[in-house]
Structures are given as structure tokens and as C-alpha cells.
Amino acid sequence: MGERLAACHVHDNDGSGDAHLPVGQGDIDWKAYFGAVKKYAPQATQVFEYCCGFNNTKDLEANIAELKAKYKL
């Protein structure tokens, strides 16, 4: 979709359904995903849609900071 991609909601899955797991807790290849977004749609907003895994916003912010460092976002 390239430049037409405006936003994407991001969460991981374990193959059993629409689990909304935090990135890294399922089986999605995030290196490939973030690499493709950086290459083809860097302007797209990534909305993290998690069901669980964080007790407060500080922990969630730390998770996102880790993802930015790991995937060079």
C-alpha cells in the first residue's frame, strides 16, 4: 500500500485468534514487519492495541522504548 497506508493497529498473536498480545509475546515476525513499514510506509502511524501485559502507563512506555531501540524505529 506504500504511501496510502495511513495507520495500522499493532499487536501480537499466538495463532489462536485476535489475541492483542504485546509485541514479542506471540509468533509474528516483527523484524520483517517493522522493516517493511520503515521501507514502504514510514509515514504510517502505528497504534499499539494491547489487551493485557501492562499494569501502568510507565511499563507500557518502557515497552515501546525497547521496541524502538530493538527495531531502530
PDB file of N, CA and C in Angstrom:
ATOM      1  N   MET A   1       0.811  -1.202   0.000  1.00  0.00           N
ATOM      2  CA  MET A   1       0.000   0.000   0.000  1.00  0.00           C
ATOM      3  C   MET A   1       0.853   1.265   0.000  1.00  0.00           C
ATOM      4  N   GLY A   2       2.080   1.149   0.460  1.00  0.00           N
ATOM      5  CA  GLY A   2       3.018   2.265   0.405  1.00  0.00           C
ATOM      6  C   GLY A   2       2.486   3.543   1.015  1.00  0.00           C
ATOM      7  N   GLU A   3       2.509   4.600   0.245  1.00  0.00           N
ATOM      8  CA  GLU A   3       2.115   5.918   0.734  1.00  0.00           C
ATOM      9  C   GLU A   3       0.650   5.994   1.130  1.00  0.00           C
ATOM     10  N   ARG A   4      -0.169   5.072   0.663  1.00  0.00           N
ATOM     11  CA  ARG A   4      -1.596   5.098   1.002  1.00  0.00           C
ATOM     12  C   ARG A   4      -1.866   4.576   2.401  1.00  0.00           C
ATOM     13  N   LEU A   5      -0.913   3.890   3.004  1.00  0.00           N
ATOM     14  CA  LEU A   5      -1.100   3.366   4.349  1.00  0.00           C
ATOM     15  C   LEU A   5      -0.968   4.511   5.342  1.00  0.00           C
ATOM     16  N   ALA A   6      -2.049   4.840   6.018  1.00  0.00           N
ATOM     17  CA  ALA A   6      -2.046   5.950   6.964  1.00  0.00           C
ATOM     18  C   ALA A   6      -1.794   5.489   8.393  1.00  0.00           C
ATOM     19  N   ALA A   7      -2.331   4.319   8.765  1.00  0.00           N
ATOM     20  CA  ALA A   7      -2.189   3.822  10.130  1.00  0.00           C
ATOM     21  C   ALA A   7      -2.410   2.317  10.161  1.00  0.00           C
ATOM     22  N   CYS A   8      -1.899   1.715  11.197  1.00  0.00           N
ATOM     23  CA  CYS A   8      -2.069   0.279  11.384  1.00  0.00           C
ATOM     24  C   CYS A   8      -2.138   0.004  12.877  1.00  0.00           C
ATOM     25  N   HIS A   9      -3.090  -0.844  13.288  1.00  0.00           N
ATOM     26  CA  HIS A   9      -3.080  -1.207  14.705  1.00  0.00           C
ATOM     27  C   HIS A   9      -2.210  -2.440  14.862  1.00  0.00           C
ATOM     28  N   VAL A  10      -1.360  -2.392  15.885  1.00  0.00           N
ATOM     29  CA  VAL A  10      -0.284  -3.356  16.054  1.00  0.00           C
ATOM     30  C   VAL A  10      -0.491  -4.141  17.341  1.00  0.00           C
ATOM     31  N   HIS A  11      -0.450  -5.458  17.214  1.00  0.00           N
ATOM     32  CA  HIS A  11      -0.436  -6.349  18.376  1.00  0.00           C
ATOM     33  C   HIS A  11       0.041  -7.707  17.913  1.00  0.00           C
ATOM     34  N   ASP A  12       0.434  -8.533  18.842  1.00  0.00           N
ATOM     35  CA  ASP A  12       0.927  -9.857  18.505  1.00  0.00           C
ATOM     36  C   ASP A  12      -0.200 -10.874  18.628  1.00  0.00           C
ATOM     37  N   ASN A  13       0.015 -12.047  18.064  1.00  0.00           N
ATOM     38  CA  ASN A  13      -0.938 -13.152  18.102  1.00  0.00           C
ATOM     39  C   ASN A  13      -0.199 -14.442  18.353  1.00  0.00           C
ATOM     40  N   ASP A  14      -0.929 -15.411  18.874  1.00  0.00           N
ATOM     41  CA  ASP A  14      -0.351 -16.732  19.108  1.00  0.00           C
ATOM     42  C   ASP A  14      -0.903 -17.776  18.149  1.00  0.00           C
ATOM     43  N   GLY A  15      -1.625 -17.330  17.129  1.00  0.00           N
ATOM     44  CA  GLY A  15      -2.176 -18.234  16.140  1.00  0.00           C
ATOM     45  C   GLY A  15      -3.556 -18.768  16.470  1.00  0.00           C
ATOM     46  N   SER A  16      -4.070 -18.422  17.654  1.00  0.00           N
ATOM     47  CA  SER A  16      -5.370 -18.959  18.057  1.00  0.00           C
ATOM     48  C   SER A  16      -6.516 -17.970  17.855  1.00  0.00           C
ATOM     49  N   GLY A  17      -6.217 -16.739  17.452  1.00  0.00           N
ATOM     50  CA  GLY A  17      -7.255 -15.737  17.255  1.00  0.00           C
ATOM     51  C   GLY A  17      -6.678 -14.344  17.347  1.00  0.00           C
ATOM     52  N   ASP A  18      -7.549 -13.382  17.457  1.00  0.00           N
ATOM     53  CA  ASP A  18      -7.164 -11.971  17.526  1.00  0.00           C
ATOM     54  C   ASP A  18      -6.812 -11.631  18.972  1.00  0.00           C
ATOM     55  N   ALA A  19      -5.630 -12.061  19.421  1.00  0.00           N
ATOM     56  CA  ALA A  19      -5.274 -12.062  20.838  1.00  0.00           C
ATOM     57  C   ALA A  19      -4.892 -10.703  21.414  1.00  0.00           C
ATOM     58  N   HIS A  20      -4.438  -9.764  20.614  1.00  0.00           N
ATOM     59  CA  HIS A  20      -3.993  -8.448  21.088  1.00  0.00           C
ATOM     60  C   HIS A  20      -2.908  -8.542  22.163  1.00  0.00           C
ATOM     61  N   LEU A  21      -1.968  -9.453  21.944  1.00  0.00           N
ATOM     62  CA  LEU A  21      -0.839  -9.602  22.854  1.00  0.00           C
ATOM     63  C   LEU A  21       0.194  -8.509  22.596  1.00  0.00           C
ATOM     64  N   PRO A  22       0.977  -8.149  23.616  1.00  0.00           N
ATOM     65  CA  PRO A  22       2.068  -7.210  23.385  1.00  0.00           C
ATOM     66  C   PRO A  22       3.049  -7.766  22.347  1.00  0.00           C
ATOM     67  N   VAL A  23       3.635  -6.882  21.568  1.00  0.00           N
ATOM     68  CA  VAL A  23       4.622  -7.275  20.558  1.00  0.00           C
ATOM     69  C   VAL A  23       5.713  -8.105  21.231  1.00  0.00           C
ATOM     70  N   GLY A  24       6.004  -9.260  20.633  1.00  0.00           N
ATOM     71  CA  GLY A  24       7.028 -10.151  21.155  1.00  0.00           C
ATOM     72  C   GLY A  24       6.481 -11.305  21.968  1.00  0.00           C
ATOM     73  N   GLN A  25       5.182 -11.303  22.259  1.00  0.00           N
ATOM     74  CA  GLN A  25       4.599 -12.382  23.057  1.00  0.00           C
ATOM     75  C   GLN A  25       3.828 -13.386  22.205  1.00  0.00           C
ATOM     76  N   GLY A  26       3.915 -13.263  20.922  1.00  0.00           N
ATOM     77  CA  GLY A  26       3.254 -14.187  20.006  1.00  0.00           C
ATOM     78  C   GLY A  26       4.248 -14.690  18.989  1.00  0.00           C
ATOM     79  N   ASP A  27       3.750 -14.968  17.783  1.00  0.00           N
ATOM     80  CA  ASP A  27       4.646 -15.557  16.793  1.00  0.00           C
ATOM     81  C   ASP A  27       4.769 -14.760  15.496  1.00  0.00           C
ATOM     82  N   ILE A  28       4.461 -13.483  15.531  1.00  0.00           N
ATOM     83  CA  ILE A  28       4.613 -12.622  14.362  1.00  0.00           C
ATOM     84  C   ILE A  28       6.084 -12.238  14.195  1.00  0.00           C
ATOM     85  N   ASP A  29       6.543 -12.181  12.962  1.00  0.00           N
ATOM     86  CA  ASP A  29       7.919 -11.791  12.642  1.00  0.00           C
ATOM     87  C   ASP A  29       7.998 -10.265  12.633  1.00  0.00           C
ATOM     88  N   TRP A  30       8.270  -9.679  13.787  1.00  0.00           N
ATOM     89  CA  TRP A  30       8.261  -8.220  13.920  1.00  0.00           C
ATOM     90  C   TRP A  30       9.425  -7.562  13.217  1.00  0.00           C
ATOM     91  N   LYS A  31      10.557  -8.225  13.122  1.00  0.00           N
ATOM     92  CA  LYS A  31      11.692  -7.645  12.390  1.00  0.00           C
ATOM     93  C   LYS A  31      11.283  -7.390  10.939  1.00  0.00           C
ATOM     94  N   ALA A  32      10.620  -8.364  10.328  1.00  0.00           N
ATOM     95  CA  ALA A  32      10.154  -8.205   8.946  1.00  0.00           C
ATOM     96  C   ALA A  32       9.074  -7.124   8.851  1.00  0.00           C
ATOM     97  N   TYR A  33       8.153  -7.113   9.793  1.00  0.00           N
ATOM     98  CA  TYR A  33       7.064  -6.131   9.766  1.00  0.00           C
ATOM     99  C   TYR A  33       7.605  -4.705   9.864  1.00  0.00           C
ATOM    100  N   PHE A  34       8.378  -4.434  10.911  1.00  0.00           N
ATOM    101  CA  PHE A  34       8.881  -3.071  11.096  1.00  0.00           C
ATOM    102  C   PHE A  34       9.846  -2.679   9.986  1.00  0.00           C
ATOM    103  N   GLY A  35      10.606  -3.632   9.464  1.00  0.00           N
ATOM    104  CA  GLY A  35      11.482  -3.341   8.334  1.00  0.00           C
ATOM    105  C   GLY A  35      10.688  -2.910   7.114  1.00  0.00           C
ATOM    106  N   ALA A  36       9.580  -3.604   6.845  1.00  0.00           N
ATOM    107  CA  ALA A  36       8.726  -3.248   5.703  1.00  0.00           C
ATOM    108  C   ALA A  36       8.062  -1.896   5.909  1.00  0.00           C
ATOM    109  N   VAL A  37       7.607  -1.620   7.124  1.00  0.00           N
ATOM    110  CA  VAL A  37       6.976  -0.320   7.402  1.00  0.00           C
ATOM    111  C   VAL A  37       7.992   0.796   7.203  1.00  0.00           C
ATOM    112  N   LYS A  38       9.194   0.615   7.738  1.00  0.00           N
ATOM    113  CA  LYS A  38      10.226   1.649   7.579  1.00  0.00           C
ATOM    114  C   LYS A  38      10.547   1.887   6.117  1.00  0.00           C
ATOM    115  N   LYS A  39      10.567   0.825   5.314  1.00  0.00           N
ATOM    116  CA  LYS A  39      10.932   0.943   3.909  1.00  0.00           C
ATOM    117  C   LYS A  39       9.794   1.489   3.050  1.00  0.00           C
ATOM    118  N   TYR A  40       8.591   0.964   3.228  1.00  0.00           N
ATOM    119  CA  TYR A  40       7.497   1.259   2.307  1.00  0.00           C
ATOM    120  C   TYR A  40       6.459   2.259   2.816  1.00  0.00           C
ATOM    121  N   ALA A  41       6.346   2.420   4.135  1.00  0.00           N
ATOM    122  CA  ALA A  41       5.306   3.315   4.670  1.00  0.00           C
ATOM    123  C   ALA A  41       5.778   3.984   5.965  1.00  0.00           C
ATOM    124  N   PRO A  42       6.913   4.681   5.917  1.00  0.00           N
ATOM    125  CA  PRO A  42       7.442   5.281   7.144  1.00  0.00           C
ATOM    126  C   PRO A  42       6.537   6.359   7.740  1.00  0.00           C
ATOM    127  N   GLN A  43       5.629   6.885   6.944  1.00  0.00           N
ATOM    128  CA  GLN A  43       4.729   7.920   7.428  1.00  0.00           C
ATOM    129  C   GLN A  43       3.542   7.345   8.206  1.00  0.00           C
ATOM    130  N   ALA A  44       3.343   6.046   8.157  1.00  0.00           N
ATOM    131  CA  ALA A  44       2.176   5.423   8.773  1.00  0.00           C
ATOM    132  C   ALA A  44       2.261   5.462  10.294  1.00  0.00           C
ATOM    133  N   THR A  45       1.163   5.781  10.925  1.00  0.00           N
ATOM    134  CA  THR A  45       1.055   5.773  12.377  1.00  0.00           C
ATOM    135  C   THR A  45       0.856   4.338  12.849  1.00  0.00           C
ATOM    136  N   GLN A  46       1.603   3.943  13.865  1.00  0.00           N
ATOM    137  CA  GLN A  46       1.482   2.604  14.446  1.00  0.00           C
ATOM    138  C   GLN A  46       0.755   2.738  15.780  1.00  0.00           C
ATOM    139  N   VAL A  47      -0.424   2.161  15.893  1.00  0.00           N
ATOM    140  CA  VAL A  47      -1.237   2.237  17.108  1.00  0.00           C
ATOM    141  C   VAL A  47      -1.133   0.891  17.819  1.00  0.00           C
ATOM    142  N   PHE A  48      -0.543   0.864  18.990  1.00  0.00           N
ATOM    143  CA  PHE A  48      -0.381  -0.374  19.731  1.00  0.00           C
ATOM    144  C   PHE A  48      -1.667  -0.676  20.488  1.00  0.00           C
ATOM    145  N   GLU A  49      -2.256  -1.826  20.176  1.00  0.00           N
ATOM    146  CA  GLU A  49      -3.557  -2.207  20.731  1.00  0.00           C
ATOM    147  C   GLU A  49      -3.385  -3.505  21.520  1.00  0.00           C
ATOM    148  N   TYR A  50      -3.082  -3.353  22.801  1.00  0.00           N
ATOM    149  CA  TYR A  50      -2.808  -4.492  23.666  1.00  0.00           C
ATOM    150  C   TYR A  50      -3.990  -4.748  24.601  1.00  0.00           C
ATOM    151  N   CYS A  51      -4.253  -6.018  24.873  1.00  0.00           N
ATOM    152  CA  CYS A  51      -5.319  -6.365  25.810  1.00  0.00           C
ATOM    153  C   CYS A  51      -4.797  -6.490  27.227  1.00  0.00           C
ATOM    154  N   CYS A  52      -3.527  -6.796  27.361  1.00  0.00           N
ATOM    155  CA  CYS A  52      -3.009  -7.160  28.680  1.00  0.00           C
ATOM    156  C   CYS A  52      -1.488  -7.036  28.692  1.00  0.00           C
ATOM    157  N   GLY A  53      -0.899  -7.323  29.847  1.00  0.00           N
ATOM    158  CA  GLY A  53       0.548  -7.363  29.934  1.00  0.00           C
ATOM    159  C   GLY A  53       1.183  -6.173  30.615  1.00  0.00           C
ATOM    160  N   PHE A  54       0.420  -5.097  30.839  1.00  0.00           N
ATOM    161  CA  PHE A  54       0.986  -3.914  31.468  1.00  0.00           C
ATOM    162  C   PHE A  54       0.042  -3.409  32.552  1.00  0.00           C
ATOM    163  N   ASN A  55       0.617  -3.108  33.713  1.00  0.00           N
ATOM    164  CA  ASN A  55      -0.192  -2.642  34.841  1.00  0.00           C
ATOM    165  C   ASN A  55      -0.306  -1.131  34.903  1.00  0.00           C
ATOM    166  N   ASN A  56       0.554  -0.431  34.159  1.00  0.00           N
ATOM    167  CA  ASN A  56       0.522   1.031  34.204  1.00  0.00           C
ATOM    168  C   ASN A  56       1.160   1.590  32.936  1.00  0.00           C
ATOM    169  N   THR A  57       0.970   2.872  32.746  1.00  0.00           N
ATOM    170  CA  THR A  57       1.487   3.502  31.524  1.00  0.00           C
ATOM    171  C   THR A  57       3.017   3.545  31.508  1.00  0.00           C
ATOM    172  N   LYS A  58       3.648   3.605  32.670  1.00  0.00           N
ATOM    173  CA  LYS A  58       5.114   3.631  32.721  1.00  0.00           C
ATOM    174  C   LYS A  58       5.690   2.350  32.120  1.00  0.00           C
ATOM    175  N   ASP A  59       5.106   1.194  32.454  1.00  0.00           N
ATOM    176  CA  ASP A  59       5.570  -0.079  31.896  1.00  0.00           C
ATOM    177  C   ASP A  59       5.330  -0.136  30.386  1.00  0.00           C
ATOM    178  N   LEU A  60       4.191   0.368  29.948  1.00  0.00           N
ATOM    179  CA  LEU A  60       3.881   0.394  28.515  1.00  0.00           C
ATOM    180  C   LEU A  60       4.860   1.301  27.770  1.00  0.00           C
ATOM    181  N   GLU A  61       5.141   2.465  28.330  1.00  0.00           N
ATOM    182  CA  GLU A  61       6.101   3.375  27.703  1.00  0.00           C
ATOM    183  C   GLU A  61       7.485   2.736  27.630  1.00  0.00           C
ATOM    184  N   ALA A  62       7.871   1.985  28.655  1.00  0.00           N
ATOM    185  CA  ALA A  62       9.163   1.298  28.640  1.00  0.00           C
ATOM    186  C   ALA A  62       9.186   0.240  27.540  1.00  0.00           C
ATOM    187  N   ASN A  63       8.078  -0.477  27.367  1.00  0.00           N
ATOM    188  CA  ASN A  63       7.980  -1.485  26.303  1.00  0.00           C
ATOM    189  C   ASN A  63       8.144  -0.838  24.936  1.00  0.00           C
ATOM    190  N   ILE A  64       7.486   0.266  24.710  1.00  0.00           N
ATOM    191  CA  ILE A  64       7.577   0.946  23.413  1.00  0.00           C
ATOM    192  C   ILE A  64       8.990   1.474  23.187  1.00  0.00           C
ATOM    193  N   ALA A  65       9.632   1.984  24.225  1.00  0.00           N
ATOM    194  CA  ALA A  65      11.018   2.438  24.097  1.00  0.00           C
ATOM    195  C   ALA A  65      11.934   1.273  23.726  1.00  0.00           C
ATOM    196  N   GLU A  66      11.711   0.106  24.324  1.00  0.00           N
ATOM    197  CA  GLU A  66      12.500  -1.084  23.987  1.00  0.00           C
ATOM    198  C   GLU A  66      12.295  -1.481  22.531  1.00  0.00           C
ATOM    199  N   LEU A  67      11.045  -1.430  22.067  1.00  0.00           N
ATOM    200  CA  LEU A  67      10.763  -1.773  20.671  1.00  0.00           C
ATOM    201  C   LEU A  67      11.444  -0.798  19.719  1.00  0.00           C
ATOM    202  N   LYS A  68      11.407   0.490  20.050  1.00  0.00           N
ATOM    203  CA  LYS A  68      12.069   1.491  19.212  1.00  0.00           C
ATOM    204  C   LYS A  68      13.556   1.213  19.106  1.00  0.00           C
ATOM    205  N   ALA A  69      14.181   0.849  20.219  1.00  0.00           N
ATOM    206  CA  ALA A  69      15.614   0.563  20.196  1.00  0.00           C
ATOM    207  C   ALA A  69      15.896  -0.741  19.444  1.00  0.00           C
ATOM    208  N   LYS A  70      15.129  -1.773  19.711  1.00  0.00           N
ATOM    209  CA  LYS A  70      15.362  -3.082  19.112  1.00  0.00           C
ATOM    210  C   LYS A  70      15.186  -3.052  17.601  1.00  0.00           C
ATOM    211  N   TYR A  71      14.137  -2.360  17.127  1.00  0.00           N
ATOM    212  CA  TYR A  71      13.829  -2.355  15.697  1.00  0.00           C
ATOM    213  C   TYR A  71      14.261  -1.070  15.003  1.00  0.00           C
ATOM    214  N   LYS A  72      14.992  -0.224  15.727  1.00  0.00           N
ATOM    215  CA  LYS A  72      15.516   1.045  15.191  1.00  0.00           C
ATOM    216  C   LYS A  72      14.398   1.878  14.553  1.00  0.00           C
ATOM    217  N   LEU A  73      13.354   2.088  15.351  1.00  0.00           N
ATOM    218  CA  LEU A  73      12.191   2.856  14.865  1.00  0.00           C
ATOM    219  C   LEU A  73      12.374   4.340  15.140  1.00  0.00           C
TER     220      LEU A  73
END
